[in-house]
Protein backbone atom coordinates (compact mmCIF):
# COMPACT_ATOMS: atom_id res chain seq x y z
CA MET A 1 4.73 -33.44 10.49
CA ARG A 2 4.08 -36.85 8.99
CA HIS A 3 0.95 -38.96 9.55
CA ARG A 4 1.62 -42.63 9.61
CA LEU A 5 -1.30 -44.93 8.69
CA TYR A 6 -0.78 -48.61 9.62
CA ILE A 7 -2.58 -51.41 7.63
CA PRO A 8 -1.93 -54.47 9.96
CA ALA A 9 -2.77 -57.90 8.64
CA ALA A 10 -3.86 -58.78 12.32
CA THR A 11 -6.64 -56.22 12.01
CA ALA A 12 -7.62 -57.46 8.55
CA LEU A 13 -8.10 -60.85 9.87
CA LEU A 14 -10.65 -59.75 12.25
CA PHE A 15 -12.64 -58.94 9.18
CA ALA A 16 -12.31 -62.26 7.43
CA LEU A 17 -15.42 -64.06 6.31
CA ALA A 18 -13.75 -67.55 6.69
CA ALA A 19 -10.70 -68.85 8.64
CA CYS A 20 -7.67 -70.16 6.80
CA THR A 21 -4.98 -72.28 8.32
CA GLN A 22 -1.24 -71.70 7.98
CA ASP A 23 -0.99 -74.64 5.47
CA GLU A 24 -3.54 -72.96 3.31
CA LEU A 25 -1.47 -69.70 2.98
CA ALA A 26 1.85 -71.63 2.58
CA GLY A 27 1.35 -72.74 -0.98
CA ASP A 28 1.49 -69.15 -2.72
CA ASN A 29 0.83 -65.65 -2.07
CA ARG A 30 -2.86 -65.73 -3.18
CA LEU A 31 -5.62 -65.01 -0.67
CA PRO A 32 -9.09 -66.05 -0.72
CA GLU A 33 -11.12 -63.56 -2.81
CA GLY A 34 -13.25 -61.16 -0.73
CA GLU A 35 -12.26 -62.39 2.66
CA TYR A 36 -9.45 -59.78 3.80
CA PRO A 37 -10.83 -56.29 3.55
CA VAL A 38 -8.28 -53.43 3.78
CA VAL A 39 -8.66 -51.81 7.05
CA ILE A 40 -6.35 -48.85 8.04
CA ARG A 41 -5.48 -48.15 11.50
CA ALA A 42 -4.21 -44.48 11.72
CA THR A 43 -1.70 -43.74 14.49
CA GLY A 44 1.29 -41.81 15.22
CA LEU A 45 -0.42 -38.45 15.08
CA SER A 46 0.92 -35.88 17.58
CA VAL A 47 -0.58 -32.52 18.35
CA GLU A 48 1.82 -29.56 18.88
CA ALA A 49 1.20 -26.28 20.63
CA THR A 50 -1.61 -24.94 18.53
CA PRO A 51 -4.75 -24.50 20.75
CA LEU A 52 -7.81 -26.43 20.02
CA ALA A 53 -11.19 -25.02 19.58
CA ALA A 54 -14.58 -26.54 18.97
CA PRO A 55 -14.58 -29.40 16.42
CA SER A 56 -14.19 -28.17 12.77
CA THR A 57 -14.97 -29.81 9.52
CA ARG A 58 -11.41 -30.29 8.79
CA ALA A 59 -8.51 -31.97 10.88
CA SER A 60 -5.98 -29.75 12.54
CA VAL A 61 -2.75 -28.96 10.82
CA ASP A 62 -0.98 -30.49 13.77
CA GLY A 63 -2.40 -33.95 13.07
CA ASP A 64 -5.53 -34.07 15.20
CA TRP A 65 -8.21 -36.14 13.61
CA GLN A 66 -10.94 -34.04 15.17
CA GLY A 67 -13.71 -33.47 12.63
CA VAL A 68 -12.37 -35.60 9.93
CA THR A 69 -15.06 -38.15 8.74
CA SER A 70 -13.53 -39.61 5.71
CA VAL A 71 -10.67 -39.73 3.19
CA ALA A 72 -10.10 -40.73 -0.36
CA LEU A 73 -8.32 -43.98 -0.95
CA LYS A 74 -6.95 -45.07 -4.45
CA MET A 75 -5.97 -48.61 -5.46
CA GLY A 76 -5.41 -49.09 -9.16
CA ASP A 77 -7.76 -47.04 -11.03
CA ALA A 78 -10.56 -47.06 -8.34
CA VAL A 79 -11.04 -44.32 -5.67
CA LYS A 80 -13.26 -45.03 -2.74
CA GLU A 81 -14.33 -43.05 0.27
CA TYR A 82 -12.98 -44.57 3.63
CA THR A 83 -14.70 -43.64 6.92
CA VAL A 84 -12.56 -42.14 9.56
CA THR A 85 -13.32 -43.32 13.23
CA ALA A 86 -11.16 -41.30 15.55
CA SER A 87 -10.08 -42.26 19.03
CA THR A 88 -11.47 -40.67 22.17
CA ASP A 89 -8.56 -38.11 22.17
CA PHE A 90 -8.44 -37.67 18.33
CA LYS A 91 -4.75 -38.70 18.22
CA SER A 92 -5.46 -41.90 16.20
CA ALA A 93 -8.16 -43.31 14.01
CA THR A 94 -9.22 -46.16 12.03
CA LEU A 95 -10.03 -45.99 8.31
CA SER A 96 -12.39 -48.45 6.94
CA ARG A 97 -15.22 -49.03 4.44
CA GLU A 98 -18.24 -51.16 5.46
CA ASN A 99 -19.67 -51.64 1.97
CA ASP A 100 -17.61 -52.60 -1.10
CA PRO A 101 -14.19 -52.17 0.59
CA TYR A 102 -10.85 -52.78 -1.06
CA TYR A 103 -9.57 -56.46 -0.28
CA TRP A 104 -6.11 -58.03 -0.05
CA THR A 105 -5.76 -60.53 -2.82
CA SER A 106 -2.32 -61.65 -2.03
CA ARG A 107 0.63 -61.08 0.22
CA ASP A 108 2.33 -58.97 -2.45
CA PRO A 109 2.86 -55.25 -1.78
CA ILE A 110 0.09 -52.97 -3.06
CA THR A 111 0.32 -49.34 -4.22
CA ILE A 112 -1.92 -47.03 -2.36
CA SER A 113 -2.56 -43.14 -2.74
CA ALA A 114 -4.78 -41.24 -0.36
CA TRP A 115 -5.73 -37.70 0.28
CA TRP A 116 -7.64 -35.42 2.27
CA PRO A 117 -9.59 -33.31 1.84
CA PHE A 118 -11.20 -34.43 -1.39
CA ASP A 119 -13.83 -33.11 -3.74
CA ASN A 120 -17.15 -34.85 -3.42
CA ALA A 121 -18.04 -33.79 -7.02
CA ASP A 122 -15.03 -35.63 -8.31
CA ILE A 123 -13.46 -37.87 -5.80
CA THR A 124 -11.19 -39.44 -8.33
CA GLN A 125 -8.96 -36.40 -8.67
CA MET A 126 -6.74 -35.07 -5.81
CA PRO A 127 -7.57 -31.34 -5.48
CA ALA A 128 -5.09 -28.63 -6.01
CA VAL A 129 -3.89 -26.87 -2.82
CA LYS A 130 -5.97 -23.73 -2.24
CA VAL A 131 -5.58 -22.08 1.31
CA ALA A 132 -7.77 -19.36 2.80
CA GLU A 133 -7.02 -15.75 2.40
CA ASP A 134 -8.04 -15.04 6.19
CA GLN A 135 -6.65 -17.63 8.40
CA SER A 136 -7.13 -15.46 11.62
CA LYS A 137 -9.66 -17.92 12.95
CA LEU A 138 -8.62 -21.51 14.01
CA ALA A 139 -10.99 -23.26 11.70
CA ASP A 140 -9.88 -21.40 8.74
CA PHE A 141 -6.24 -22.01 9.58
CA GLN A 142 -6.99 -25.80 9.98
CA ASN A 143 -9.16 -25.82 7.06
CA SER A 144 -6.25 -24.74 4.72
CA ASP A 145 -4.25 -28.07 5.38
CA PHE A 146 -3.85 -30.68 2.74
CA ILE A 147 -2.42 -34.10 3.38
CA SER A 148 -1.70 -37.04 1.03
CA ALA A 149 0.21 -40.33 0.49
CA GLU A 150 0.98 -40.61 -3.23
CA ASN A 151 1.76 -43.98 -4.80
CA ARG A 152 3.18 -45.60 -1.65
CA LYS A 153 4.09 -49.30 -1.41
CA VAL A 154 2.27 -51.16 1.35
CA GLU A 155 3.69 -54.40 2.70
CA PHE A 156 1.46 -57.14 3.71
CA ASN A 157 3.42 -58.01 6.85
CA ASN A 158 4.25 -54.22 7.54
CA PRO A 159 1.46 -52.26 6.04
CA THR A 160 2.36 -48.76 6.78
CA LEU A 161 0.94 -45.81 4.83
CA GLU A 162 2.82 -42.44 5.38
CA PHE A 163 0.98 -39.15 4.83
CA THR A 164 2.74 -35.81 4.35
CA HIS A 165 1.58 -32.25 4.10
CA ARG A 166 1.04 -30.57 0.78
CA THR A 167 1.14 -27.14 2.31
CA ALA A 168 3.96 -25.14 3.64
CA ARG A 169 3.66 -23.77 7.18
CA VAL A 170 5.10 -20.40 8.30
CA THR A 171 5.26 -19.56 12.09
CA ILE A 172 6.13 -15.89 13.07
CA GLU A 173 6.96 -14.96 16.70
CA LEU A 174 6.84 -11.35 17.57
CA LYS A 175 9.05 -9.40 19.98
CA PRO A 176 9.10 -5.86 20.95
CA GLY A 177 12.11 -3.91 19.74
CA THR A 178 13.34 -0.35 19.97
CA GLY A 179 10.32 2.05 20.33
CA PHE A 180 7.90 -0.70 21.42
CA THR A 181 7.19 -2.06 24.77
CA SER A 182 4.68 -4.50 23.60
CA VAL A 183 3.62 -6.26 20.40
CA ALA A 184 0.08 -7.04 21.69
CA GLY A 185 -2.67 -6.37 19.05
CA ALA A 186 -0.51 -6.70 16.09
CA THR A 187 -1.89 -7.91 12.66
CA VAL A 188 0.44 -10.16 10.88
CA SER A 189 0.12 -11.13 7.26
CA LEU A 190 2.20 -12.89 4.53
CA VAL A 191 2.28 -10.92 1.17
CA SER A 192 3.62 -11.08 -2.19
CA LEU A 193 2.28 -14.72 -2.57
CA SER A 194 1.44 -16.56 -5.80
CA ALA A 195 -2.02 -16.50 -7.16
CA ASP A 196 -1.72 -19.90 -8.83
CA ASN A 197 -4.79 -22.05 -8.59
CA GLY A 198 -6.84 -19.18 -7.32
CA ASN A 199 -4.80 -18.80 -4.11
CA PRO A 200 -4.63 -15.47 -2.24
CA THR A 201 -1.70 -13.10 -2.80
CA ALA A 202 -1.86 -12.14 0.83
CA ILE A 203 -2.79 -14.19 3.91
CA LYS A 204 -3.88 -12.86 7.23
CA THR A 205 -2.28 -15.19 10.01
CA TYR A 206 -3.76 -17.00 12.82
CA ASN A 207 -2.76 -15.86 16.33
CA ALA A 208 -1.78 -19.20 17.73
CA SER A 209 -0.86 -18.09 21.14
CA GLY A 210 0.63 -15.12 22.72
CA ASN A 211 2.79 -13.26 20.17
CA THR A 212 2.88 -16.40 17.90
CA TYR A 213 1.26 -16.28 14.42
CA GLU A 214 0.76 -19.04 11.92
CA ALA A 215 -0.31 -19.52 8.31
CA LEU A 216 -0.37 -22.19 5.68
CA THR A 217 0.58 -21.43 2.01
CA ALA A 218 0.61 -23.30 -1.12
CA PRO A 219 4.13 -24.40 -2.19
CA GLN A 220 5.72 -21.57 -4.03
CA THR A 221 8.72 -19.17 -4.13
CA VAL A 222 8.70 -15.57 -3.00
CA ALA A 223 11.13 -13.48 -4.93
CA ALA A 224 14.14 -11.91 -3.21
CA GLY A 225 13.54 -8.27 -2.45
CA LYS A 226 9.63 -8.55 -2.33
CA PRO A 227 7.73 -7.78 0.89
CA PHE A 228 7.08 -11.18 2.58
CA VAL A 229 6.12 -10.55 6.33
CA LYS A 230 3.80 -7.64 6.96
CA VAL A 231 3.29 -6.42 10.58
CA GLU A 232 0.62 -3.69 11.41
CA LEU A 233 1.30 -2.25 14.89
CA GLY A 234 0.85 1.04 16.63
CA GLY A 235 -0.31 2.94 13.54
CA GLY A 236 2.62 1.72 11.44
CA THR A 237 3.24 -1.06 8.78
CA PHE A 238 6.34 -3.04 8.84
CA TYR A 239 7.75 -5.21 6.19
CA PHE A 240 10.39 -7.93 5.89
CA ARG A 241 12.00 -8.20 2.42
CA PRO A 242 14.21 -11.32 2.17
CA GLN A 243 17.55 -10.99 0.52
CA ASN A 244 17.21 -14.38 -1.16
CA ASN A 245 14.37 -16.21 -2.75
CA VAL A 246 12.11 -17.82 0.00
CA VAL A 247 11.19 -21.35 -1.22
CA LEU A 248 8.16 -22.47 0.64
CA GLU A 249 8.17 -26.32 0.10
CA ALA A 250 5.25 -28.79 0.95
CA GLY A 251 5.73 -30.35 4.31
CA SER A 252 8.12 -27.77 5.56
CA ARG A 253 7.66 -25.45 8.54
CA TYR A 254 9.52 -22.11 8.69
CA LYS A 255 9.74 -20.31 12.00
CA TYR A 256 10.63 -16.58 11.92
CA THR A 257 11.35 -14.68 15.24
CA VAL A 258 10.80 -11.10 14.41
CA LYS A 259 11.70 -8.10 16.55
CA VAL A 260 9.53 -5.09 15.67
CA ASN A 261 11.34 -1.74 15.95
CA ALA A 262 9.95 1.70 15.38
CA THR A 263 12.22 2.18 12.45
CA GLY A 264 11.56 -1.31 11.00
CA LEU A 265 11.69 -5.02 11.59
CA THR A 266 14.86 -6.94 12.83
CA LEU A 267 14.75 -10.61 12.26
CA GLU A 268 16.66 -12.33 15.07
CA GLY A 269 16.72 -15.62 13.23
CA CYS A 270 14.85 -18.06 11.07
CA THR A 271 14.67 -21.71 12.20
CA ILE A 272 12.67 -24.51 11.07
CA GLY A 273 10.12 -26.40 13.07
CA SER A 274 9.12 -29.99 13.11
CA TRP A 275 7.87 -30.44 9.76
CA ALA A 276 10.72 -30.87 7.20
CA ASP A 277 13.69 -28.66 7.04
CA GLY A 278 12.92 -26.19 4.32
CA GLY A 279 15.58 -23.61 4.96
CA GLY A 280 15.17 -19.99 5.51
CA GLU A 281 16.90 -16.61 5.82
CA SER A 282 17.74 -13.90 8.53
CA GLY A 283 17.61 -10.22 7.50
CA ALA A 284 16.39 -6.80 8.33
CA ALA A 285 12.88 -5.63 7.49
CA GLU A 286 11.80 -1.96 6.56
CA ASP A 287 8.82 0.30 7.31
CA LEU A 288 7.50 1.47 3.93
CA GLY A 289 5.58 4.15 5.69
CA TYR A 290 2.44 3.68 4.05
CA ILE A 291 -0.72 1.40 4.33
CA TYR A 292 -2.67 0.42 1.20
CA ASP A 293 -6.46 -0.16 1.58
CA SER A 294 -7.71 -2.25 -1.42
CA ASN A 295 -11.30 -1.31 -0.81
CA THR A 296 -10.69 2.50 -1.30
CA LYS A 297 -7.62 1.98 -3.38
CA THR A 298 -5.91 4.65 -1.13
CA TYR A 299 -2.29 4.72 0.09
CA THR A 300 -2.26 6.08 3.60
CA VAL A 301 1.15 7.74 4.28
CA TYR A 302 2.41 8.33 7.83
CA ASN A 303 6.13 9.18 7.58
CA ALA A 304 8.74 10.66 5.37
CA ASP A 305 9.88 7.18 3.97
CA GLY A 306 6.44 6.52 3.09
CA LEU A 307 5.99 9.79 1.07
CA MET A 308 9.24 8.97 -0.66
CA ASN A 309 8.11 5.49 -1.55
CA ILE A 310 4.84 6.78 -2.88
CA ALA A 311 6.71 9.27 -5.23
CA GLU A 312 8.68 6.36 -6.37
CA LEU A 313 5.51 4.34 -7.19
CA VAL A 314 3.96 7.25 -9.10
CA ASN A 315 7.01 7.93 -11.06
CA GLY A 316 7.31 4.30 -11.77
CA GLY A 317 3.71 4.17 -13.47
CA LYS A 318 1.03 4.17 -10.73
CA THR A 319 0.02 7.65 -11.56
CA ASP A 320 -3.66 7.34 -10.67
CA ILE A 321 -3.30 6.16 -6.91
CA ASN A 322 -5.08 8.14 -4.22
CA ILE A 323 -2.84 9.30 -1.44
CA THR A 324 -3.82 10.52 2.12
CA LEU A 325 -1.41 11.82 4.89
CA THR A 326 -2.40 10.97 8.44
CA ALA A 327 0.60 12.55 10.06
CA ASP A 328 3.03 15.62 9.69
CA ILE A 329 5.82 14.61 7.32
CA ASP A 330 9.54 15.81 7.94
CA LEU A 331 11.55 15.60 4.72
CA THR A 332 14.61 17.15 6.27
CA GLY A 333 17.87 15.39 4.78
CA LYS A 334 15.77 13.50 2.16
CA ASN A 335 16.83 13.56 -1.45
CA TRP A 336 13.45 14.54 -2.91
CA THR A 337 12.19 13.63 -6.42
CA PRO A 338 8.87 15.42 -7.22
CA ILE A 339 5.74 13.32 -7.59
CA GLY A 340 5.15 13.13 -11.33
CA THR A 341 8.24 14.30 -13.05
CA ASP A 342 6.85 14.94 -16.48
CA TYR A 343 3.77 14.67 -18.63
CA ASP A 344 4.22 10.83 -19.17
CA ASN A 345 3.91 10.14 -15.36
CA SER A 346 1.91 13.17 -14.44
CA TYR A 347 -0.20 12.59 -11.30
CA LYS A 348 -3.80 11.70 -11.84
CA GLY A 349 -5.05 10.61 -8.55
CA THR A 350 -6.18 12.76 -5.40
CA PHE A 351 -3.55 13.74 -2.80
CA ASP A 352 -5.17 14.74 0.48
CA GLY A 353 -2.78 16.29 2.91
CA GLY A 354 -5.51 16.01 5.72
CA GLY A 355 -4.30 19.40 7.04
CA HIS A 356 -0.98 18.03 7.99
CA THR A 357 2.23 19.82 7.59
CA ILE A 358 5.32 18.76 5.33
CA THR A 359 8.61 20.30 6.47
CA GLY A 360 12.14 20.24 5.33
CA LEU A 361 11.44 19.93 1.61
CA THR A 362 14.74 21.17 0.45
CA PHE A 363 16.47 20.50 -3.03
CA THR A 364 18.32 21.95 -5.89
CA THR A 365 17.74 20.70 -9.37
CA ASN A 366 18.22 21.08 -13.01
CA ASP A 367 14.86 19.44 -13.86
CA GLU A 368 12.27 21.28 -15.73
CA PHE A 369 9.40 20.71 -13.22
CA ALA A 370 9.99 20.97 -9.54
CA GLY A 371 7.86 21.16 -6.42
CA LEU A 372 6.20 18.61 -4.08
CA PHE A 373 4.77 17.56 -7.43
CA GLY A 374 6.37 18.12 -10.73
CA TRP A 375 3.49 17.73 -13.08
CA LEU A 376 -0.22 17.46 -12.03
CA ASN A 377 -2.58 15.91 -14.65
CA ARG A 378 -5.79 17.47 -15.39
CA ALA A 379 -7.52 14.47 -13.65
CA GLY A 380 -5.25 15.18 -10.66
CA THR A 381 -6.04 16.98 -7.24
CA VAL A 382 -3.80 18.19 -4.55
CA LYS A 383 -5.61 19.51 -1.42
CA ASN A 384 -5.22 20.26 2.34
CA VAL A 385 -1.45 20.27 2.65
CA VAL A 386 0.75 22.84 4.62
CA MET A 387 4.25 23.21 3.07
CA GLU A 388 6.49 24.76 5.64
CA GLY A 389 10.03 26.03 5.28
CA VAL A 390 10.42 24.74 1.66
CA GLN A 391 13.75 25.53 -0.05
CA ILE A 392 13.46 24.92 -3.70
CA THR A 393 15.95 26.09 -6.29
CA SER A 394 15.90 25.23 -10.05
CA ASN A 395 18.96 25.91 -12.25
CA GLN A 396 17.03 24.89 -15.50
CA ILE A 397 18.48 27.50 -17.88
CA TYR A 398 15.94 26.87 -20.51
CA GLY A 399 12.93 27.55 -18.55
CA GLY A 400 10.76 25.11 -16.50
CA SER A 401 7.82 25.41 -13.99
CA ILE A 402 8.64 25.73 -10.34
CA GLY A 403 6.34 26.00 -7.43
CA GLY A 404 6.10 25.08 -3.67
CA VAL A 405 3.36 22.71 -4.20
CA VAL A 406 3.18 21.91 -7.99
CA GLY A 407 5.53 22.73 -10.72
CA TYR A 408 3.31 22.47 -13.84
CA SER A 409 -0.38 21.87 -13.37
CA TRP A 410 -3.56 21.16 -15.29
CA GLY A 411 -5.46 19.89 -12.48
CA THR A 412 -7.03 21.08 -9.14
CA ILE A 413 -5.17 22.64 -6.22
CA GLU A 414 -7.08 23.53 -3.15
CA ASN A 415 -6.43 24.63 0.50
CA CYS A 416 -2.60 24.49 0.26
CA SER A 417 -0.13 26.97 1.88
CA VAL A 418 3.63 27.57 1.37
CA SER A 419 6.31 29.14 3.52
CA GLY A 420 10.13 29.39 2.76
CA SER A 421 11.71 30.11 -0.63
CA VAL A 422 11.07 29.14 -4.28
CA SER A 423 13.74 30.09 -6.93
CA GLY A 424 13.82 29.32 -10.72
CA THR A 425 13.86 31.06 -14.08
CA VAL A 426 10.71 30.83 -16.05
CA TYR A 427 7.27 30.27 -14.52
CA VAL A 428 8.03 30.43 -10.72
CA GLY A 429 5.36 30.82 -8.09
CA GLY A 430 5.01 30.26 -4.37
CA VAL A 431 2.23 27.58 -4.88
CA VAL A 432 2.37 26.67 -8.50
CA GLY A 433 4.91 27.58 -11.33
CA ALA A 434 2.34 27.42 -14.21
CA GLN A 435 -1.54 26.59 -14.07
CA ILE A 436 -2.60 25.69 -17.53
CA GLY A 437 -6.35 24.97 -17.04
CA GLY A 438 -7.81 23.63 -13.94
CA SER A 439 -8.19 25.73 -10.68
CA ILE A 440 -6.26 27.17 -7.73
CA THR A 441 -8.66 27.67 -4.71
CA GLY A 442 -8.06 28.69 -1.13
CA CYS A 443 -4.34 28.77 -1.35
CA SER A 444 -1.74 31.01 0.24
CA SER A 445 2.08 31.70 0.20
CA SER A 446 4.29 33.60 2.53
CA ALA A 447 7.39 32.13 0.52
CA THR A 448 9.86 34.62 -1.01
CA VAL A 449 9.85 33.99 -4.76
CA LYS A 450 12.54 34.54 -7.26
CA GLY A 451 12.67 34.14 -11.00
CA THR A 452 13.31 35.72 -14.48
CA VAL A 453 10.11 35.54 -16.52
CA ASP A 454 6.56 35.23 -15.14
CA VAL A 455 7.14 35.38 -11.44
CA GLY A 456 4.14 35.63 -8.91
CA GLY A 457 3.45 35.17 -5.15
CA VAL A 458 0.88 32.37 -5.76
CA ALA A 459 1.52 31.46 -9.44
CA GLY A 460 4.08 32.41 -12.07
CA GLN A 461 1.61 31.97 -14.84
CA THR A 462 -2.06 31.01 -15.22
CA ASN A 463 -3.56 30.44 -18.68
CA SER A 464 -6.04 28.85 -20.76
CA SER A 465 -9.05 27.92 -18.75
CA ALA A 466 -7.45 28.26 -15.47
CA THR A 467 -9.22 29.97 -12.55
CA LEU A 468 -7.85 31.62 -9.41
CA THR A 469 -10.17 31.97 -6.43
CA ALA A 470 -9.59 33.12 -2.84
CA CYS A 471 -5.93 33.07 -2.95
CA TYR A 472 -3.30 35.36 -1.27
CA ALA A 473 0.38 35.97 -1.00
CA THR A 474 2.45 37.72 1.68
CA GLY A 475 5.92 36.89 0.53
CA ASN A 476 8.21 39.24 -1.56
CA VAL A 477 8.70 38.65 -5.21
CA THR A 478 11.97 39.26 -7.04
CA LEU A 479 12.40 39.49 -10.82
CA GLU A 480 16.00 39.07 -12.12
CA ILE A 481 15.31 40.52 -15.43
CA TYR A 482 16.48 38.48 -18.41
CA PRO A 483 17.80 40.71 -21.20
CA GLY A 484 15.60 40.69 -24.42
CA LYS A 485 12.74 38.85 -22.69
CA ASP A 486 9.20 39.92 -22.06
CA ILE A 487 8.94 40.02 -18.28
CA SER A 488 5.94 39.81 -15.98
CA GLY A 489 5.99 39.89 -12.16
CA GLY A 490 3.19 40.32 -9.54
CA GLY A 491 2.34 39.91 -5.97
CA VAL A 492 -0.26 37.20 -6.80
CA VAL A 493 0.38 36.21 -10.53
CA GLY A 494 3.11 37.24 -12.88
CA PHE A 495 1.20 36.48 -16.19
CA LYS A 496 -2.44 36.05 -15.71
CA GLY A 497 -4.27 34.64 -18.66
CA GLY A 498 -7.16 32.03 -18.52
CA ASN A 499 -10.52 32.79 -16.87
CA SER A 500 -11.34 34.97 -13.94
CA VAL A 501 -9.45 35.91 -10.79
CA LEU A 502 -11.90 36.22 -7.78
CA ALA A 503 -11.07 37.71 -4.31
CA CYS A 504 -7.32 37.57 -4.14
CA TYR A 505 -4.96 39.87 -2.40
CA ALA A 506 -1.12 40.49 -2.02
CA THR A 507 1.01 42.41 0.47
CA GLY A 508 4.57 41.21 -0.36
CA ASN A 509 6.78 43.67 -2.12
CA VAL A 510 7.57 43.06 -5.84
CA ASN A 511 10.99 44.10 -7.03
CA SER A 512 13.16 43.88 -10.07
CA LYS A 513 16.82 43.71 -10.93
CA GLY A 514 18.42 44.47 -14.28
CA SER A 515 16.87 45.68 -17.45
CA SER A 516 15.62 44.21 -20.76
CA THR A 517 14.86 45.33 -24.21
CA GLY A 518 11.65 43.47 -24.00
CA ASN A 519 8.38 44.30 -22.39
CA VAL A 520 8.54 44.56 -18.55
CA HIS A 521 5.33 44.40 -16.69
CA ILE A 522 5.42 44.60 -12.96
CA GLY A 523 2.32 45.19 -10.50
CA GLY A 524 1.36 44.79 -6.98
CA LEU A 525 -1.21 42.12 -7.84
CA PHE A 526 -0.43 40.97 -11.43
CA GLY A 527 2.34 41.77 -13.88
CA TYR A 528 0.39 41.07 -17.14
CA LYS A 529 -3.39 40.39 -17.07
CA TYR A 530 -5.83 39.67 -19.79
CA ALA A 531 -8.44 37.89 -17.64
CA THR A 532 -11.32 39.50 -15.41
CA ALA A 533 -10.42 40.22 -11.88
CA ILE A 534 -13.06 40.60 -9.36
CA ALA A 535 -12.60 41.96 -5.78
CA CYS A 536 -8.86 41.93 -5.66
CA TYR A 537 -6.53 43.87 -3.34
CA TRP A 538 -2.99 44.61 -2.81
CA LYS A 539 -0.76 46.56 -0.12
CA ASN A 540 2.90 46.68 -0.95
CA ASN A 541 5.50 48.83 -2.60
CA LYS A 542 3.70 49.20 -5.96
CA GLU A 543 1.21 52.02 -6.86
CA GLN A 544 0.04 49.92 -9.72
CA GLY A 545 -1.82 46.97 -9.04
CA ILE A 546 -1.54 45.57 -12.69
CA GLY A 547 1.70 46.17 -14.78
CA TYR A 548 -0.53 45.62 -18.03
CA ASN A 549 -4.17 45.24 -18.38
CA LYS A 550 -5.46 44.08 -21.74
CA GLU A 551 -7.90 46.50 -23.07
CA GLY A 552 -11.65 45.82 -22.39
CA ILE A 553 -10.80 43.31 -19.51
CA VAL A 554 -12.88 43.89 -16.30
CA THR A 555 -10.65 44.94 -13.38
CA GLU A 556 -11.50 45.28 -9.80
CA ALA A 557 -8.06 45.84 -8.26
CA THR A 558 -7.79 48.19 -5.24
CA LYS A 559 -5.02 49.20 -3.08
CA VAL A 560 -5.61 49.07 0.59
CA ASP A 561 -4.35 52.47 2.05
CA GLY A 562 -5.59 52.06 5.54
CA THR A 563 -7.78 55.17 5.29
CA ASP A 564 -10.43 55.03 2.58
CA VAL A 565 -9.90 51.34 2.05
CA THR A 566 -9.30 49.27 4.99
CA TRP A 567 -8.65 45.45 5.32
CA GLN A 568 -12.13 45.07 6.90
CA LYS A 569 -13.57 46.85 3.78
CA ALA A 570 -11.45 44.58 1.52
CA VAL A 571 -12.77 41.27 3.45
CA ASP A 572 -16.30 42.41 3.26
CA ALA A 573 -16.00 43.01 -0.52
CA MET A 574 -14.14 39.72 -1.31
CA ASN A 575 -16.61 37.86 0.88
CA THR A 576 -19.60 39.26 -1.03
CA ALA A 577 -17.93 38.37 -4.28
CA LEU A 578 -17.24 34.80 -3.06
CA GLN A 579 -20.87 34.44 -1.91
CA ASN A 580 -22.19 35.70 -5.22
CA ALA A 581 -20.08 33.09 -7.09
CA GLY A 582 -21.31 30.29 -4.80
CA SER A 583 -17.88 29.66 -3.32
CA GLU A 584 -17.62 27.89 -0.02
CA TRP A 585 -14.42 30.01 0.90
CA ARG A 586 -14.60 33.17 3.05
CA TYR A 587 -12.04 35.63 4.48
CA GLU A 588 -11.86 36.54 8.17
CA LEU A 589 -9.97 39.37 9.86
CA LYS A 590 -8.68 38.38 13.24
CA GLY A 591 -5.18 39.70 13.06
CA ALA A 592 -3.52 42.20 10.76
CA LEU A 593 -4.19 40.44 7.60
CA PRO A 594 -7.17 38.43 6.32
CA THR A 595 -6.98 34.71 6.57
CA LEU A 596 -9.02 32.06 4.70
CA MET A 597 -11.65 29.43 5.98
CA LYS A 598 -13.99 27.11 4.28
CA GLN A 599 -17.68 26.98 5.27
């Protein structure tokens, strides 16, 4: 849209202080000094479909002069404020200055610059374009517009001054696609924008009418492959990533017709509106599967693709982000890479599963650390997640740490459960392969666990300052004995070092295959233990709860025989121990075996 400003000589004559004859003007181009003030009649402004609201302090982006009271006008080195007098319909206006106006001094063309808005603190400088971050209200959308006429020649006999927009305009029309019957209530934003001159990197658009959304941006380029259009609808977030650079030029309007599908966005086409033709691109959009909250700095994940993308973010260096699941996640058929593959990108944030279930985690790897998480930093926490039907196999011949939830952990694991199968070599556990420091609390596993060295139903190994509280395993544990190695296997933990074990139990059978010239320690609870065990119970094929117990270490490990020691007695003893330790966790016996709850 261009605003045409006319400076007619006939109008100027109305302001002359003295009359001149044709003969007086015929000798040369000079005009009497101070007699012909420059008066601008602004016409040719048209209003498009954008609805009008109450008068704002800035003109409409569509060319309505409503609310505009003045503009900056520059001739030579001087800049003056000119008053705007709008017509009754606000579609035209007269620009004039009562005191100390500019004057025509001859019939030669003059060079004029003008702009709006202007900075009252320094009217001599045209301000940089800076648009509003939230343009969801009409006034804020309008207030983001900038117009100017820069170094334009104005003819005495045809004094037309043409303004152009200094912003780019983006219009998005939403349509329901597959999985949606309506797009009402959507929130549409432009993202991945430039922060130059203090501009926002994301803009919330104005709902102009129905399913049409608009925003004004500073001129810039959005790089190919970056998210550009963001649509939040029905609990999901959808993004359009252009295949080519999007060049947003001043004075150009870009109109996108966007179909929202449950599996992502499809752009039916990209056309240019009545501003200048700035070009565009058609393409497909994707659902990233997560929403980022900048206030809480939390990534909310609601589908499998979201979890895959989050893993990529962490492994790409964003190791301290917080992650929350808001829905069950099905990873069936997904090529999973654990979150935090090694020490350098170990996870340092808080992952809260919200009690939701992750199913279909299936992969075979040669990597050293494997699970939902590969490596959990001492600052990291994983909690409230149910791993159902995992199938994890590690063929790492030199060792590794393999677990249903975490491979190698220094951090905090709480209220997690695992079913399925976990198989590896060294340090293999249903929940965690190796826990070095940190804590495992309120966790359980029914997964079958197989390994060669340090294998357990909950953890393959715990060491250093690690604690294990209120955990149990009901899955079978198999040791495929590696010749010449020291072997430890147990229903709860294979090799138990670190600090105390409190109120844990195991019911899965513990078996071994093969022989070794090294030490082989197998127990119904622990294979090798040199940490205190309080109120721990087992009921499986082993008569010995602990394969090897270091001398002098306190051991409260009791087999449930169903006669003298029942599960009810075990529950009472474990709950007493938990209460005495100040734990919030308790066991309850509503079926054949105790289950956990948090008070």
